[in-house]
């Protein structure tokens, strides 16, 4: 196996393990065993488990950005973009039977007080997500499809916060019901 493939195998395996089991509950040995590589290979590619955690977070955020690409599709009305985005995010959670939740939320709960670099990356990710939503909300406010006149940035931050709560609830219930309720309330009430 070529070195690049070993690193990719470790990263791919780590995304799955850290997302499902958590950062602290997953050892380097767990990762290398699941990846089918020697433990020394881990340290050839990552200086620490924390460095791996940062790469896993970046990989996860790239996948979430792919799900959110619809938010930039100006051929769709703002609320339709948000509906598709929520549908994509709900489908992403359904794909793992609601067991894993959101890696960003999981890492926030588990690592915010442990690894400052990861906390900083998560703060940036939350802010960037809210900024994207705020732009869509502002567009809807301008065209009249979103009647709520609260500042778009405040609405977007609230929506992100509510999403994280809905994901936690869906994980506990192992059901899409909290996520469907979230989308329905946001689109029908908060952004009406």
C-alpha atoms as a PDB file:
ATOM      1  CA  UNK A   1       0.000   0.000   0.000  1.00  0.00           C
ATOM      2  CA  UNK A   2       1.423   3.404  -0.970  1.00  0.00           C
ATOM      3  CA  UNK A   3       2.024   5.934   1.810  1.00  0.00           C
ATOM      4  CA  UNK A   4      -0.710   8.284   0.563  1.00  0.00           C
ATOM      5  CA  UNK A   5      -3.132   5.381   0.647  1.00  0.00           C
ATOM      6  CA  UNK A   6      -2.131   4.555   4.226  1.00  0.00           C
ATOM      7  CA  UNK A   7      -2.822   8.122   5.311  1.00  0.00           C
ATOM      8  CA  UNK A   8      -6.138   8.092   3.465  1.00  0.00           C
ATOM      9  CA  UNK A   9      -7.091   4.767   5.055  1.00  0.00           C
ATOM     10  CA  UNK A  10      -6.275   6.147   8.512  1.00  0.00           C
ATOM     11  CA  UNK A  11      -8.281   9.326   7.844  1.00  0.00           C
ATOM     12  CA  UNK A  12     -11.294   7.525   6.412  1.00  0.00           C
ATOM     13  CA  UNK A  13     -11.339   5.069   9.299  1.00  0.00           C
ATOM     14  CA  UNK A  14     -10.842   7.875  11.812  1.00  0.00           C
ATOM     15  CA  UNK A  15     -13.776   9.905  10.507  1.00  0.00           C
ATOM     16  CA  UNK A  16     -16.022   6.908  11.097  1.00  0.00           C
ATOM     17  CA  UNK A  17     -14.597   5.937  14.495  1.00  0.00           C
ATOM     18  CA  UNK A  18     -14.279   9.425  15.974  1.00  0.00           C
ATOM     19  CA  UNK A  19     -17.767  10.299  14.773  1.00  0.00           C
ATOM     20  CA  UNK A  20     -19.375   7.149  16.145  1.00  0.00           C
ATOM     21  CA  UNK A  21     -17.324   6.409  19.287  1.00  0.00           C
ATOM     22  CA  UNK A  22     -15.962   9.827  20.174  1.00  0.00           C
ATOM     23  CA  UNK A  23     -12.464  11.245  20.343  1.00  0.00           C
ATOM     24  CA  UNK A  24     -11.549  10.188  23.877  1.00  0.00           C
ATOM     25  CA  UNK A  25     -13.077   6.712  23.579  1.00  0.00           C
ATOM     26  CA  UNK A  26     -11.074   5.951  20.423  1.00  0.00           C
ATOM     27  CA  UNK A  27      -7.402   5.102  20.834  1.00  0.00           C
ATOM     28  CA  UNK A  28      -4.705   5.297  18.195  1.00  0.00           C
ATOM     29  CA  UNK A  29      -4.583   1.500  18.445  1.00  0.00           C
ATOM     30  CA  UNK A  30      -8.332   1.328  17.706  1.00  0.00           C
ATOM     31  CA  UNK A  31      -7.776   3.469  14.618  1.00  0.00           C
ATOM     32  CA  UNK A  32      -4.805   1.523  13.275  1.00  0.00           C
ATOM     33  CA  UNK A  33      -6.490  -1.823  13.977  1.00  0.00           C
ATOM     34  CA  UNK A  34      -9.646  -0.726  12.125  1.00  0.00           C
ATOM     35  CA  UNK A  35      -7.566   0.743   9.279  1.00  0.00           C
ATOM     36  CA  UNK A  36      -5.495  -2.440   9.045  1.00  0.00           C
ATOM     37  CA  UNK A  37      -2.179  -0.595   9.325  1.00  0.00           C
ATOM     38  CA  UNK A  38       0.693  -0.828  11.806  1.00  0.00           C
ATOM     39  CA  UNK A  39       0.573   1.638  14.690  1.00  0.00           C
ATOM     40  CA  UNK A  40       3.853   3.171  13.531  1.00  0.00           C
ATOM     41  CA  UNK A  41       2.140   4.181  10.289  1.00  0.00           C
ATOM     42  CA  UNK A  42      -0.103   6.503  12.273  1.00  0.00           C
ATOM     43  CA  UNK A  43       2.870   8.500  13.533  1.00  0.00           C
ATOM     44  CA  UNK A  44       4.422   8.604  10.063  1.00  0.00           C
ATOM     45  CA  UNK A  45       1.422  10.664   8.950  1.00  0.00           C
ATOM     46  CA  UNK A  46       0.203  12.474  12.086  1.00  0.00           C
ATOM     47  CA  UNK A  47       2.270  14.048  14.823  1.00  0.00           C
ATOM     48  CA  UNK A  48      -0.475  13.386  17.358  1.00  0.00           C
ATOM     49  CA  UNK A  49      -4.024  12.219  17.797  1.00  0.00           C
ATOM     50  CA  UNK A  50      -4.992  15.895  18.130  1.00  0.00           C
ATOM     51  CA  UNK A  51      -3.488  16.607  14.694  1.00  0.00           C
ATOM     52  CA  UNK A  52      -5.541  13.732  13.303  1.00  0.00           C
ATOM     53  CA  UNK A  53      -8.616  15.204  15.016  1.00  0.00           C
ATOM     54  CA  UNK A  54      -8.076  18.488  13.174  1.00  0.00           C
ATOM     55  CA  UNK A  55      -7.841  16.700   9.813  1.00  0.00           C
ATOM     56  CA  UNK A  56     -10.915  14.617  10.607  1.00  0.00           C
ATOM     57  CA  UNK A  57     -12.812  17.801  11.475  1.00  0.00           C
ATOM     58  CA  UNK A  58     -11.740  19.448   8.208  1.00  0.00           C
ATOM     59  CA  UNK A  59     -12.796  16.353   6.232  1.00  0.00           C
ATOM     60  CA  UNK A  60     -16.176  16.341   7.971  1.00  0.00           C
ATOM     61  CA  UNK A  61     -16.703  20.060   7.352  1.00  0.00           C
ATOM     62  CA  UNK A  62     -15.944  19.566   3.656  1.00  0.00           C
ATOM     63  CA  UNK A  63     -18.652  16.888   3.500  1.00  0.00           C
ATOM     64  CA  UNK A  64     -21.112  19.202   5.256  1.00  0.00           C
ATOM     65  CA  UNK A  65     -20.187  21.972   2.796  1.00  0.00           C
ATOM     66  CA  UNK A  66     -21.092  19.596  -0.023  1.00  0.00           C
ATOM     67  CA  UNK A  67     -24.514  19.052   1.581  1.00  0.00           C
ATOM     68  CA  UNK A  68     -24.878  22.821   1.905  1.00  0.00           C
ATOM     69  CA  UNK A  69     -23.932  23.649  -1.689  1.00  0.00           C
ATOM     70  CA  UNK A  70     -27.626  24.088  -2.436  1.00  0.00           C
ATOM     71  CA  UNK A  71     -27.612  27.224  -0.263  1.00  0.00           C
ATOM     72  CA  UNK A  72     -25.550  28.934  -2.980  1.00  0.00           C
ATOM     73  CA  UNK A  73     -27.890  27.914  -5.814  1.00  0.00           C
ATOM     74  CA  UNK A  74     -29.532  31.220  -6.695  1.00  0.00           C
ATOM     75  CA  UNK A  75     -31.749  29.533  -9.297  1.00  0.00           C
ATOM     76  CA  UNK A  76     -33.892  28.423  -6.332  1.00  0.00           C
ATOM     77  CA  UNK A  77     -35.846  30.753  -4.035  1.00  0.00           C
ATOM     78  CA  UNK A  78     -34.245  31.230  -0.590  1.00  0.00           C
ATOM     79  CA  UNK A  79     -36.737  29.110   1.369  1.00  0.00           C
ATOM     80  CA  UNK A  80     -36.541  26.308  -1.201  1.00  0.00           C
ATOM     81  CA  UNK A  81     -32.745  26.310  -0.801  1.00  0.00           C
ATOM     82  CA  UNK A  82     -33.103  26.094   2.958  1.00  0.00           C
ATOM     83  CA  UNK A  83     -35.661  23.271   2.644  1.00  0.00           C
ATOM     84  CA  UNK A  84     -33.295  21.302   0.411  1.00  0.00           C
ATOM     85  CA  UNK A  85     -30.398  21.996   2.762  1.00  0.00           C
ATOM     86  CA  UNK A  86     -32.360  20.726   5.760  1.00  0.00           C
ATOM     87  CA  UNK A  87     -33.489  17.697   3.737  1.00  0.00           C
ATOM     88  CA  UNK A  88     -29.837  16.986   2.860  1.00  0.00           C
ATOM     89  CA  UNK A  89     -28.741  17.330   6.472  1.00  0.00           C
ATOM     90  CA  UNK A  90     -31.574  15.110   7.711  1.00  0.00           C
ATOM     91  CA  UNK A  91     -30.694  12.495   5.080  1.00  0.00           C
ATOM     92  CA  UNK A  92     -27.065  12.633   6.221  1.00  0.00           C
ATOM     93  CA  UNK A  93     -28.140  11.874   9.772  1.00  0.00           C
ATOM     94  CA  UNK A  94     -30.533   9.158   8.606  1.00  0.00           C
ATOM     95  CA  UNK A  95     -27.696   7.482   6.694  1.00  0.00           C
ATOM     96  CA  UNK A  96     -26.132   6.435  10.011  1.00  0.00           C
ATOM     97  CA  UNK A  97     -29.488   5.676  11.643  1.00  0.00           C
ATOM     98  CA  UNK A  98     -29.136   8.786  13.841  1.00  0.00           C
ATOM     99  CA  UNK A  99     -26.443   7.030  15.931  1.00  0.00           C
ATOM    100  CA  UNK A 100     -23.550   9.419  15.375  1.00  0.00           C
ATOM    101  CA  UNK A 101     -25.121  12.872  15.439  1.00  0.00           C
ATOM    102  CA  UNK A 102     -23.062  15.787  14.171  1.00  0.00           C
ATOM    103  CA  UNK A 103     -19.281  15.502  14.518  1.00  0.00           C
ATOM    104  CA  UNK A 104     -19.085  19.258  15.067  1.00  0.00           C
ATOM    105  CA  UNK A 105     -21.577  19.012  17.926  1.00  0.00           C
ATOM    106  CA  UNK A 106     -19.923  15.879  19.302  1.00  0.00           C
ATOM    107  CA  UNK A 107     -16.471  17.467  19.256  1.00  0.00           C
ATOM    108  CA  UNK A 108     -17.893  20.653  20.795  1.00  0.00           C
ATOM    109  CA  UNK A 109     -19.262  18.693  23.715  1.00  0.00           C
ATOM    110  CA  UNK A 110     -16.221  16.490  24.133  1.00  0.00           C
ATOM    111  CA  UNK A 111     -13.197  18.604  23.182  1.00  0.00           C
ATOM    112  CA  UNK A 112     -13.994  22.299  23.679  1.00  0.00           C
ATOM    113  CA  UNK A 113     -12.167  22.354  27.016  1.00  0.00           C
ATOM    114  CA  UNK A 114      -9.415  19.942  25.992  1.00  0.00           C
ATOM    115  CA  UNK A 115      -7.962  21.040  22.658  1.00  0.00           C
ATOM    116  CA  UNK A 116      -7.919  24.796  21.977  1.00  0.00           C
ATOM    117  CA  UNK A 117      -7.046  24.381  18.290  1.00  0.00           C
ATOM    118  CA  UNK A 118     -10.076  22.174  17.712  1.00  0.00           C
ATOM    119  CA  UNK A 119     -12.276  24.573  19.709  1.00  0.00           C
ATOM    120  CA  UNK A 120     -11.069  27.431  17.516  1.00  0.00           C
ATOM    121  CA  UNK A 121     -11.738  25.435  14.328  1.00  0.00           C
ATOM    122  CA  UNK A 122     -15.256  24.618  15.566  1.00  0.00           C
ATOM    123  CA  UNK A 123     -15.946  28.270  16.396  1.00  0.00           C
ATOM    124  CA  UNK A 124     -14.878  29.190  12.888  1.00  0.00           C
ATOM    125  CA  UNK A 125     -17.067  26.440  11.396  1.00  0.00           C
ATOM    126  CA  UNK A 126     -20.138  27.526  13.366  1.00  0.00           C
ATOM    127  CA  UNK A 127     -19.571  31.152  12.332  1.00  0.00           C
ATOM    128  CA  UNK A 128     -19.094  30.246   8.665  1.00  0.00           C
ATOM    129  CA  UNK A 129     -22.261  28.135   8.667  1.00  0.00           C
ATOM    130  CA  UNK A 130     -24.254  30.937  10.255  1.00  0.00           C
ATOM    131  CA  UNK A 131     -22.858  33.432   7.757  1.00  0.00           C
ATOM    132  CA  UNK A 132     -23.993  31.286   4.834  1.00  0.00           C
ATOM    133  CA  UNK A 133     -27.475  30.876   6.306  1.00  0.00           C
ATOM    134  CA  UNK A 134     -27.650  34.593   7.097  1.00  0.00           C
ATOM    135  CA  UNK A 135     -26.986  35.464   3.453  1.00  0.00           C
ATOM    136  CA  UNK A 136     -29.861  33.233   2.318  1.00  0.00           C
ATOM    137  CA  UNK A 137     -32.169  34.617   5.019  1.00  0.00           C
ATOM    138  CA  UNK A 138     -31.278  38.198   4.090  1.00  0.00           C
ATOM    139  CA  UNK A 139     -32.052  37.437   0.462  1.00  0.00           C
ATOM    140  CA  UNK A 140     -35.436  36.028   1.499  1.00  0.00           C
ATOM    141  CA  UNK A 141     -36.126  39.085   3.637  1.00  0.00           C
ATOM    142  CA  UNK A 142     -35.324  41.341   0.687  1.00  0.00           C
ATOM    143  CA  UNK A 143     -37.591  39.487  -1.739  1.00  0.00           C
ATOM    144  CA  UNK A 144     -40.361  39.201   0.882  1.00  0.00           C
ATOM    145  CA  UNK A 145     -40.411  35.388   1.058  1.00  0.00           C
ATOM    146  CA  UNK A 146     -39.106  35.558   4.637  1.00  0.00           C
ATOM    147  CA  UNK A 147     -41.252  37.854   6.721  1.00  0.00           C
ATOM    148  CA  UNK A 148     -39.319  37.700   9.989  1.00  0.00           C
ATOM    149  CA  UNK A 149     -37.537  41.059  10.231  1.00  0.00           C
ATOM    150  CA  UNK A 150     -35.096  40.095  12.983  1.00  0.00           C
ATOM    151  CA  UNK A 151     -31.490  40.520  11.840  1.00  0.00           C
ATOM    152  CA  UNK A 152     -30.557  37.710   9.463  1.00  0.00           C
ATOM    153  CA  UNK A 153     -27.372  36.982  11.439  1.00  0.00           C
ATOM    154  CA  UNK A 154     -29.381  36.480  14.652  1.00  0.00           C
ATOM    155  CA  UNK A 155     -31.869  34.207  12.927  1.00  0.00           C
ATOM    156  CA  UNK A 156     -29.069  32.177  11.345  1.00  0.00           C
ATOM    157  CA  UNK A 157     -27.225  31.761  14.652  1.00  0.00           C
ATOM    158  CA  UNK A 158     -30.443  30.651  16.339  1.00  0.00           C
ATOM    159  CA  UNK A 159     -31.170  28.180  13.532  1.00  0.00           C
ATOM    160  CA  UNK A 160     -27.666  26.681  13.866  1.00  0.00           C
ATOM    161  CA  UNK A 161     -28.097  26.396  17.633  1.00  0.00           C
ATOM    162  CA  UNK A 162     -31.535  24.818  17.268  1.00  0.00           C
ATOM    163  CA  UNK A 163     -30.186  22.377  14.677  1.00  0.00           C
ATOM    164  CA  UNK A 164     -27.511  21.161  17.094  1.00  0.00           C
ATOM    165  CA  UNK A 165     -30.172  20.590  19.750  1.00  0.00           C
ATOM    166  CA  UNK A 166     -32.387  18.730  17.289  1.00  0.00           C
ATOM    167  CA  UNK A 167     -29.475  16.523  16.244  1.00  0.00           C
ATOM    168  CA  UNK A 168     -28.737  15.655  19.882  1.00  0.00           C
ATOM    169  CA  UNK A 169     -32.377  14.799  20.432  1.00  0.00           C
ATOM    170  CA  UNK A 170     -32.507  12.708  17.228  1.00  0.00           C
ATOM    171  CA  UNK A 171     -29.413  10.847  18.408  1.00  0.00           C
ATOM    172  CA  UNK A 172     -31.012  10.107  21.779  1.00  0.00           C
ATOM    173  CA  UNK A 173     -34.302   9.073  20.174  1.00  0.00           C
ATOM    174  CA  UNK A 174     -32.603   7.410  17.173  1.00  0.00           C
ATOM    175  CA  UNK A 175     -35.349   8.959  15.155  1.00  0.00           C
ATOM    176  CA  UNK A 176     -35.705  11.648  12.523  1.00  0.00           C
ATOM    177  CA  UNK A 177     -38.719  13.155  14.301  1.00  0.00           C
ATOM    178  CA  UNK A 178     -36.766  15.950  16.079  1.00  0.00           C
ATOM    179  CA  UNK A 179     -35.075  16.909  12.808  1.00  0.00           C
ATOM    180  CA  UNK A 180     -38.315  16.969  10.854  1.00  0.00           C
ATOM    181  CA  UNK A 181     -39.898  19.076  13.616  1.00  0.00           C
ATOM    182  CA  UNK A 182     -36.897  21.441  13.495  1.00  0.00           C
ATOM    183  CA  UNK A 183     -37.215  21.925   9.718  1.00  0.00           C
ATOM    184  CA  UNK A 184     -40.987  22.386   9.907  1.00  0.00           C
ATOM    185  CA  UNK A 185     -40.750  24.954  12.729  1.00  0.00           C
ATOM    186  CA  UNK A 186     -37.933  26.911  11.115  1.00  0.00           C
ATOM    187  CA  UNK A 187     -39.517  27.089   7.672  1.00  0.00           C
ATOM    188  CA  UNK A 188     -43.148  27.501   8.734  1.00  0.00           C
ATOM    189  CA  UNK A 189     -42.801  29.681  11.819  1.00  0.00           C
ATOM    190  CA  UNK A 190     -39.401  31.238  12.379  1.00  0.00           C
ATOM    191  CA  UNK A 191     -38.822  32.205   8.754  1.00  0.00           C
ATOM    192  CA  UNK A 192     -42.458  32.818   7.857  1.00  0.00           C
END
